[in-house]
Amino acid sequence: MSHQNTIAALPVPPGLGPDKQLVLRVMPMPADANGNGDIFGGWIMGQVDIAGAVLPARVARGRIATVAVNEFVFKQPVSVGDLVSFYASVERVGKTSITVHVEVWADRKPDAPEQVKVTEARLTYVAIDLQGRPRQLSTALALP
């Protein structure tokens, strides 16, 4: 007799643009929480930087570095046990830089699932050479 386990796929958050790609999914642990029991904002910022770098790294086809956090808005707290998903899209490709928009959604309450947008950010990354200097991006780059 075979047992087939089926796990329901997580639904796409409501209102998520069709240009957004899932780039990271993580569940924060108790060590990531502050004294109030909410996840540290700095932990979320670090995860956003990691998630935000995924698409620019593909576009640049090489090393990149974060050069600016243009906008960062905490909309709702994140709690231990939330499943946190990071969705990104490329907004602009310049001569050496790539700007991305990241939306962060928390899947809460497994017994009564709820998706909440918790953070939104805009970051700029620059393509760099082996010496860490800005380098030109190829003009023939296709967006992921």
N, C-alpha and C. Protein backbone atom coordinates (compact mmCIF):
# COMPACT_ATOMS: atom_id res chain seq x y z
N MET A 1 0.84 -1.17 0.00
CA MET A 1 0.00 0.00 0.00
C MET A 1 0.89 1.23 0.00
N SER A 2 0.62 2.15 -0.89
CA SER A 2 1.44 3.35 -0.93
C SER A 2 0.69 4.52 -0.32
N HIS A 3 1.44 5.28 0.40
CA HIS A 3 0.87 6.49 0.99
C HIS A 3 1.42 7.66 0.23
N GLN A 4 0.54 8.46 -0.25
CA GLN A 4 0.98 9.63 -0.99
C GLN A 4 0.64 10.86 -0.16
N ASN A 5 1.68 11.54 0.27
CA ASN A 5 1.47 12.77 1.03
C ASN A 5 1.34 13.92 0.05
N THR A 6 0.33 14.70 0.23
CA THR A 6 0.18 15.88 -0.60
C THR A 6 0.23 17.10 0.31
N ILE A 7 1.06 18.00 -0.08
CA ILE A 7 1.22 19.24 0.67
C ILE A 7 0.71 20.36 -0.23
N ALA A 8 -0.23 21.10 0.30
CA ALA A 8 -0.79 22.19 -0.48
C ALA A 8 0.27 23.25 -0.72
N ALA A 9 0.35 23.71 -1.96
CA ALA A 9 1.27 24.79 -2.30
C ALA A 9 0.79 26.08 -1.62
N LEU A 10 1.74 26.90 -1.25
CA LEU A 10 1.38 28.18 -0.66
C LEU A 10 0.78 29.07 -1.73
N PRO A 11 -0.32 29.70 -1.44
CA PRO A 11 -0.93 30.58 -2.44
C PRO A 11 -0.09 31.84 -2.65
N VAL A 12 -0.22 32.42 -3.82
CA VAL A 12 0.44 33.69 -4.11
C VAL A 12 -0.28 34.76 -3.30
N PRO A 13 0.46 35.65 -2.64
CA PRO A 13 -0.20 36.69 -1.84
C PRO A 13 -1.15 37.55 -2.68
N PRO A 14 -2.24 37.98 -2.10
CA PRO A 14 -3.19 38.82 -2.83
C PRO A 14 -2.56 40.17 -3.17
N GLY A 15 -2.74 40.61 -4.39
CA GLY A 15 -2.21 41.91 -4.79
C GLY A 15 -0.75 41.89 -5.20
N LEU A 16 -0.11 40.72 -5.20
CA LEU A 16 1.28 40.63 -5.63
C LEU A 16 1.34 40.79 -7.14
N GLY A 17 2.18 41.69 -7.61
CA GLY A 17 2.29 41.94 -9.05
C GLY A 17 2.81 40.73 -9.80
N PRO A 18 2.41 40.59 -11.07
CA PRO A 18 2.84 39.44 -11.87
C PRO A 18 4.34 39.46 -12.18
N ASP A 19 5.00 40.60 -11.99
CA ASP A 19 6.43 40.70 -12.26
C ASP A 19 7.29 40.23 -11.09
N LYS A 20 6.68 39.94 -9.96
CA LYS A 20 7.43 39.53 -8.77
C LYS A 20 7.79 38.05 -8.83
N GLN A 21 9.02 37.74 -8.41
CA GLN A 21 9.49 36.36 -8.35
C GLN A 21 9.82 36.01 -6.90
N LEU A 22 9.48 34.81 -6.49
CA LEU A 22 9.86 34.33 -5.17
C LEU A 22 11.37 34.11 -5.19
N VAL A 23 12.11 34.80 -4.31
CA VAL A 23 13.56 34.68 -4.29
C VAL A 23 14.11 34.10 -2.99
N LEU A 24 13.27 34.08 -1.93
CA LEU A 24 13.74 33.55 -0.65
C LEU A 24 12.53 33.25 0.23
N ARG A 25 12.65 32.18 0.99
CA ARG A 25 11.60 31.86 1.97
C ARG A 25 12.31 31.33 3.21
N VAL A 26 11.93 31.87 4.38
CA VAL A 26 12.62 31.51 5.63
C VAL A 26 11.66 31.63 6.80
N MET A 27 11.93 30.84 7.85
CA MET A 27 11.12 30.91 9.06
C MET A 27 12.02 31.41 10.19
N PRO A 28 11.73 32.60 10.74
CA PRO A 28 12.57 33.13 11.83
C PRO A 28 12.44 32.28 13.09
N MET A 29 13.52 32.24 13.84
CA MET A 29 13.61 31.43 15.05
C MET A 29 13.57 32.34 16.30
N PRO A 30 13.38 31.76 17.46
CA PRO A 30 13.34 32.56 18.70
C PRO A 30 14.58 33.43 18.91
N ALA A 31 15.74 32.98 18.45
CA ALA A 31 16.96 33.78 18.61
C ALA A 31 16.91 35.07 17.78
N ASP A 32 15.99 35.15 16.82
CA ASP A 32 15.86 36.33 15.96
C ASP A 32 14.89 37.36 16.53
N ALA A 33 14.32 37.06 17.71
CA ALA A 33 13.29 37.93 18.30
C ALA A 33 13.89 38.91 19.30
N ASN A 34 13.22 40.06 19.41
CA ASN A 34 13.60 41.05 20.41
C ASN A 34 12.87 40.78 21.72
N GLY A 35 13.02 41.65 22.70
CA GLY A 35 12.41 41.47 24.01
C GLY A 35 10.90 41.48 24.00
N ASN A 36 10.29 42.01 22.95
CA ASN A 36 8.83 42.03 22.84
C ASN A 36 8.28 40.78 22.16
N GLY A 37 9.19 39.93 21.66
CA GLY A 37 8.76 38.72 20.97
C GLY A 37 8.60 38.89 19.48
N ASP A 38 8.84 40.11 18.97
CA ASP A 38 8.80 40.35 17.53
C ASP A 38 10.20 40.12 16.96
N ILE A 39 10.26 39.82 15.67
CA ILE A 39 11.55 39.61 15.03
C ILE A 39 12.25 40.96 14.87
N PHE A 40 13.55 40.98 15.16
CA PHE A 40 14.35 42.20 15.03
C PHE A 40 14.24 42.78 13.62
N GLY A 41 14.06 44.09 13.55
CA GLY A 41 14.04 44.76 12.25
C GLY A 41 15.33 44.56 11.49
N GLY A 42 16.45 44.52 12.20
CA GLY A 42 17.75 44.32 11.56
C GLY A 42 17.86 42.95 10.91
N TRP A 43 17.23 41.94 11.52
CA TRP A 43 17.22 40.60 10.92
C TRP A 43 16.46 40.64 9.60
N ILE A 44 15.32 41.32 9.61
CA ILE A 44 14.52 41.43 8.39
C ILE A 44 15.29 42.19 7.33
N MET A 45 15.97 43.26 7.73
CA MET A 45 16.76 44.04 6.76
C MET A 45 17.84 43.18 6.11
N GLY A 46 18.51 42.36 6.91
CA GLY A 46 19.54 41.48 6.37
C GLY A 46 18.97 40.49 5.37
N GLN A 47 17.81 39.91 5.69
CA GLN A 47 17.17 38.96 4.78
C GLN A 47 16.72 39.65 3.49
N VAL A 48 16.23 40.89 3.62
CA VAL A 48 15.82 41.65 2.43
C VAL A 48 17.04 41.90 1.53
N ASP A 49 18.19 42.21 2.12
CA ASP A 49 19.40 42.44 1.33
C ASP A 49 19.81 41.18 0.59
N ILE A 50 19.73 40.03 1.27
CA ILE A 50 20.05 38.75 0.62
C ILE A 50 19.07 38.48 -0.51
N ALA A 51 17.77 38.61 -0.23
CA ALA A 51 16.74 38.36 -1.24
C ALA A 51 16.85 39.34 -2.40
N GLY A 52 17.09 40.60 -2.07
CA GLY A 52 17.18 41.63 -3.10
C GLY A 52 18.34 41.42 -4.05
N ALA A 53 19.38 40.73 -3.61
CA ALA A 53 20.57 40.51 -4.44
C ALA A 53 20.40 39.38 -5.47
N VAL A 54 19.39 38.55 -5.32
CA VAL A 54 19.24 37.38 -6.19
C VAL A 54 19.10 37.77 -7.66
N LEU A 55 18.15 38.63 -7.98
CA LEU A 55 17.94 39.00 -9.38
C LEU A 55 19.09 39.85 -9.93
N PRO A 56 19.60 40.85 -9.21
CA PRO A 56 20.74 41.60 -9.73
C PRO A 56 21.96 40.73 -10.01
N ALA A 57 22.20 39.71 -9.19
CA ALA A 57 23.33 38.81 -9.43
C ALA A 57 23.15 38.08 -10.75
N ARG A 58 21.90 37.70 -11.06
CA ARG A 58 21.64 37.03 -12.35
C ARG A 58 21.79 37.99 -13.51
N VAL A 59 21.30 39.22 -13.33
CA VAL A 59 21.41 40.22 -14.40
C VAL A 59 22.88 40.59 -14.64
N ALA A 60 23.63 40.82 -13.57
CA ALA A 60 25.01 41.27 -13.69
C ALA A 60 25.97 40.17 -14.14
N ARG A 61 25.58 38.93 -13.92
CA ARG A 61 26.42 37.79 -14.28
C ARG A 61 27.82 37.92 -13.68
N GLY A 62 27.83 38.28 -12.41
CA GLY A 62 29.11 38.44 -11.72
C GLY A 62 28.87 39.06 -10.36
N ARG A 63 29.94 39.57 -9.79
CA ARG A 63 29.87 40.14 -8.44
C ARG A 63 29.02 41.41 -8.42
N ILE A 64 28.33 41.58 -7.30
CA ILE A 64 27.55 42.79 -7.07
C ILE A 64 27.75 43.21 -5.62
N ALA A 65 27.41 44.46 -5.34
CA ALA A 65 27.46 44.97 -3.96
C ALA A 65 26.26 45.89 -3.76
N THR A 66 25.73 45.89 -2.55
CA THR A 66 24.65 46.81 -2.22
C THR A 66 25.23 48.21 -2.12
N VAL A 67 24.63 49.17 -2.84
CA VAL A 67 25.12 50.55 -2.74
C VAL A 67 24.11 51.47 -2.08
N ALA A 68 22.83 51.09 -2.09
CA ALA A 68 21.82 51.96 -1.48
C ALA A 68 20.59 51.17 -1.07
N VAL A 69 20.07 51.56 0.07
CA VAL A 69 18.74 51.15 0.48
C VAL A 69 17.90 52.41 0.28
N ASN A 70 17.20 52.46 -0.86
CA ASN A 70 16.48 53.66 -1.26
C ASN A 70 15.22 53.89 -0.44
N GLU A 71 14.60 52.77 -0.01
CA GLU A 71 13.36 52.85 0.75
C GLU A 71 13.20 51.55 1.53
N PHE A 72 12.73 51.68 2.76
CA PHE A 72 12.50 50.49 3.59
C PHE A 72 11.36 50.81 4.53
N VAL A 73 10.26 50.07 4.42
CA VAL A 73 9.07 50.34 5.22
C VAL A 73 8.65 49.06 5.93
N PHE A 74 8.60 49.13 7.27
CA PHE A 74 8.06 48.04 8.07
C PHE A 74 6.56 48.29 8.21
N LYS A 75 5.74 47.37 7.70
CA LYS A 75 4.30 47.56 7.72
C LYS A 75 3.62 46.83 8.87
N GLN A 76 4.11 45.65 9.20
CA GLN A 76 3.54 44.81 10.26
C GLN A 76 4.69 44.08 10.94
N PRO A 77 4.55 43.72 12.20
CA PRO A 77 5.60 42.93 12.86
C PRO A 77 5.64 41.50 12.29
N VAL A 78 6.80 40.89 12.41
CA VAL A 78 6.99 39.48 12.05
C VAL A 78 7.17 38.73 13.37
N SER A 79 6.57 37.56 13.47
CA SER A 79 6.62 36.76 14.70
C SER A 79 7.35 35.44 14.49
N VAL A 80 7.85 34.89 15.57
CA VAL A 80 8.42 33.55 15.52
C VAL A 80 7.32 32.62 15.02
N GLY A 81 7.66 31.76 14.09
CA GLY A 81 6.67 30.83 13.54
C GLY A 81 6.06 31.29 12.24
N ASP A 82 6.18 32.58 11.90
CA ASP A 82 5.71 33.03 10.59
C ASP A 82 6.61 32.43 9.51
N LEU A 83 6.04 32.06 8.40
CA LEU A 83 6.82 31.66 7.24
C LEU A 83 6.94 32.90 6.38
N VAL A 84 8.15 33.41 6.22
CA VAL A 84 8.36 34.70 5.58
C VAL A 84 8.87 34.49 4.15
N SER A 85 8.15 35.08 3.18
CA SER A 85 8.48 34.94 1.77
C SER A 85 8.88 36.30 1.21
N PHE A 86 9.92 36.29 0.38
CA PHE A 86 10.47 37.50 -0.21
C PHE A 86 10.29 37.43 -1.72
N TYR A 87 9.60 38.41 -2.27
CA TYR A 87 9.33 38.48 -3.70
C TYR A 87 10.02 39.72 -4.25
N ALA A 88 10.68 39.59 -5.41
CA ALA A 88 11.44 40.71 -5.95
C ALA A 88 11.17 40.89 -7.44
N SER A 89 11.40 42.11 -7.89
CA SER A 89 11.37 42.43 -9.31
C SER A 89 12.42 43.49 -9.59
N VAL A 90 12.98 43.44 -10.79
CA VAL A 90 13.95 44.44 -11.22
C VAL A 90 13.18 45.65 -11.70
N GLU A 91 13.50 46.81 -11.15
CA GLU A 91 12.83 48.06 -11.55
C GLU A 91 13.61 48.83 -12.59
N ARG A 92 14.94 48.77 -12.47
CA ARG A 92 15.76 49.59 -13.37
C ARG A 92 17.13 48.94 -13.53
N VAL A 93 17.63 48.96 -14.75
CA VAL A 93 19.00 48.53 -15.03
C VAL A 93 19.72 49.73 -15.63
N GLY A 94 20.76 50.20 -14.96
CA GLY A 94 21.55 51.32 -15.44
C GLY A 94 22.84 50.82 -16.07
N LYS A 95 23.82 51.72 -16.19
CA LYS A 95 25.11 51.36 -16.79
C LYS A 95 25.90 50.39 -15.91
N THR A 96 25.83 50.62 -14.58
CA THR A 96 26.55 49.75 -13.65
C THR A 96 25.66 49.24 -12.52
N SER A 97 24.45 49.79 -12.42
CA SER A 97 23.61 49.46 -11.26
C SER A 97 22.27 48.83 -11.64
N ILE A 98 21.70 48.17 -10.66
CA ILE A 98 20.41 47.49 -10.81
C ILE A 98 19.58 47.81 -9.57
N THR A 99 18.38 48.33 -9.78
CA THR A 99 17.49 48.64 -8.66
C THR A 99 16.37 47.61 -8.62
N VAL A 100 16.09 47.11 -7.43
CA VAL A 100 15.06 46.10 -7.25
C VAL A 100 14.04 46.55 -6.21
N HIS A 101 12.85 46.01 -6.34
CA HIS A 101 11.78 46.23 -5.38
C HIS A 101 11.52 44.88 -4.72
N VAL A 102 11.45 44.86 -3.39
CA VAL A 102 11.24 43.62 -2.65
C VAL A 102 9.99 43.77 -1.78
N GLU A 103 9.10 42.81 -1.86
CA GLU A 103 7.95 42.72 -0.97
C GLU A 103 8.14 41.51 -0.07
N VAL A 104 7.85 41.70 1.22
CA VAL A 104 8.00 40.62 2.19
C VAL A 104 6.62 40.29 2.75
N TRP A 105 6.25 39.02 2.67
CA TRP A 105 4.94 38.55 3.11
C TRP A 105 5.13 37.47 4.17
N ALA A 106 4.30 37.51 5.19
CA ALA A 106 4.32 36.49 6.24
C ALA A 106 3.08 35.62 6.13
N ASP A 107 3.29 34.32 6.13
CA ASP A 107 2.19 33.36 6.22
C ASP A 107 2.04 33.05 7.70
N ARG A 108 0.87 33.39 8.24
CA ARG A 108 0.62 33.25 9.67
C ARG A 108 -0.48 32.24 9.95
N LYS A 109 -0.57 31.82 11.19
CA LYS A 109 -1.64 30.97 11.70
C LYS A 109 -1.89 29.76 10.79
N PRO A 110 -1.08 28.73 10.90
CA PRO A 110 -1.27 27.56 10.05
C PRO A 110 -2.67 26.96 10.14
N ASP A 111 -3.33 27.09 11.29
CA ASP A 111 -4.67 26.52 11.45
C ASP A 111 -5.74 27.36 10.77
N ALA A 112 -5.47 28.64 10.55
CA ALA A 112 -6.38 29.54 9.82
C ALA A 112 -5.50 30.48 9.00
N PRO A 113 -4.92 29.96 7.89
CA PRO A 113 -3.89 30.69 7.14
C PRO A 113 -4.28 32.13 6.78
N GLU A 114 -3.28 32.99 6.95
CA GLU A 114 -3.43 34.40 6.65
C GLU A 114 -2.11 34.90 6.09
N GLN A 115 -2.17 35.67 4.99
CA GLN A 115 -0.97 36.26 4.41
C GLN A 115 -1.00 37.77 4.64
N VAL A 116 0.12 38.30 5.15
CA VAL A 116 0.20 39.71 5.49
C VAL A 116 1.48 40.28 4.91
N LYS A 117 1.36 41.43 4.20
CA LYS A 117 2.57 42.11 3.74
C LYS A 117 3.19 42.79 4.96
N VAL A 118 4.44 42.44 5.26
CA VAL A 118 5.09 42.94 6.46
C VAL A 118 6.16 43.99 6.19
N THR A 119 6.73 43.96 5.02
CA THR A 119 7.82 44.89 4.70
C THR A 119 7.86 45.11 3.20
N GLU A 120 8.33 46.29 2.83
CA GLU A 120 8.52 46.63 1.42
C GLU A 120 9.80 47.44 1.34
N ALA A 121 10.63 47.18 0.32
CA ALA A 121 11.91 47.87 0.21
C ALA A 121 12.32 48.05 -1.24
N ARG A 122 13.15 49.05 -1.45
CA ARG A 122 13.76 49.30 -2.76
C ARG A 122 15.27 49.44 -2.52
N LEU A 123 16.05 48.62 -3.21
CA LEU A 123 17.49 48.62 -3.02
C LEU A 123 18.20 48.72 -4.37
N THR A 124 19.41 49.28 -4.33
CA THR A 124 20.22 49.38 -5.54
C THR A 124 21.53 48.64 -5.32
N TYR A 125 21.90 47.84 -6.30
CA TYR A 125 23.14 47.07 -6.29
C TYR A 125 23.99 47.54 -7.46
N VAL A 126 25.31 47.45 -7.31
CA VAL A 126 26.21 47.82 -8.39
C VAL A 126 27.04 46.60 -8.77
N ALA A 127 27.24 46.43 -10.08
CA ALA A 127 28.10 45.36 -10.56
C ALA A 127 29.54 45.79 -10.29
N ILE A 128 30.35 44.86 -9.76
CA ILE A 128 31.74 45.18 -9.45
C ILE A 128 32.68 44.15 -10.06
N ASP A 129 33.92 44.60 -10.30
CA ASP A 129 34.93 43.70 -10.83
C ASP A 129 35.66 43.01 -9.68
N LEU A 130 36.70 42.26 -9.99
CA LEU A 130 37.41 41.50 -8.95
C LEU A 130 38.13 42.39 -7.94
N GLN A 131 38.37 43.64 -8.30
CA GLN A 131 39.00 44.58 -7.38
C GLN A 131 37.97 45.40 -6.60
N GLY A 132 36.68 45.12 -6.82
CA GLY A 132 35.63 45.82 -6.10
C GLY A 132 35.24 47.16 -6.71
N ARG A 133 35.68 47.42 -7.93
CA ARG A 133 35.33 48.68 -8.62
C ARG A 133 34.10 48.46 -9.49
N PRO A 134 33.27 49.50 -9.64
CA PRO A 134 32.09 49.37 -10.51
C PRO A 134 32.51 48.96 -11.92
N ARG A 135 31.68 48.11 -12.53
CA ARG A 135 31.94 47.68 -13.91
C ARG A 135 30.67 47.85 -14.73
N GLN A 136 30.84 48.04 -16.01
CA GLN A 136 29.71 48.22 -16.92
C GLN A 136 28.93 46.91 -17.04
N LEU A 137 27.61 47.06 -17.13
CA LEU A 137 26.77 45.89 -17.41
C LEU A 137 26.68 45.73 -18.92
N SER A 138 26.50 44.52 -19.37
CA SER A 138 26.34 44.26 -20.79
C SER A 138 25.05 44.92 -21.29
N THR A 139 25.10 45.49 -22.49
CA THR A 139 23.90 46.11 -23.05
C THR A 139 22.93 45.09 -23.57
N ALA A 140 23.35 43.83 -23.66
CA ALA A 140 22.49 42.78 -24.20
C ALA A 140 21.83 41.96 -23.10
N LEU A 141 21.80 42.49 -21.89
CA LEU A 141 21.24 41.71 -20.78
C LEU A 141 19.74 41.60 -20.86
N ALA A 142 19.28 40.41 -20.63
CA ALA A 142 17.83 40.20 -20.55
C ALA A 142 17.45 40.13 -19.07
N LEU A 143 16.34 40.73 -18.72
CA LEU A 143 15.89 40.66 -17.34
C LEU A 143 15.39 39.26 -17.04
N PRO A 144 15.66 38.78 -15.81
CA PRO A 144 15.20 37.43 -15.45
C PRO A 144 13.69 37.36 -15.36
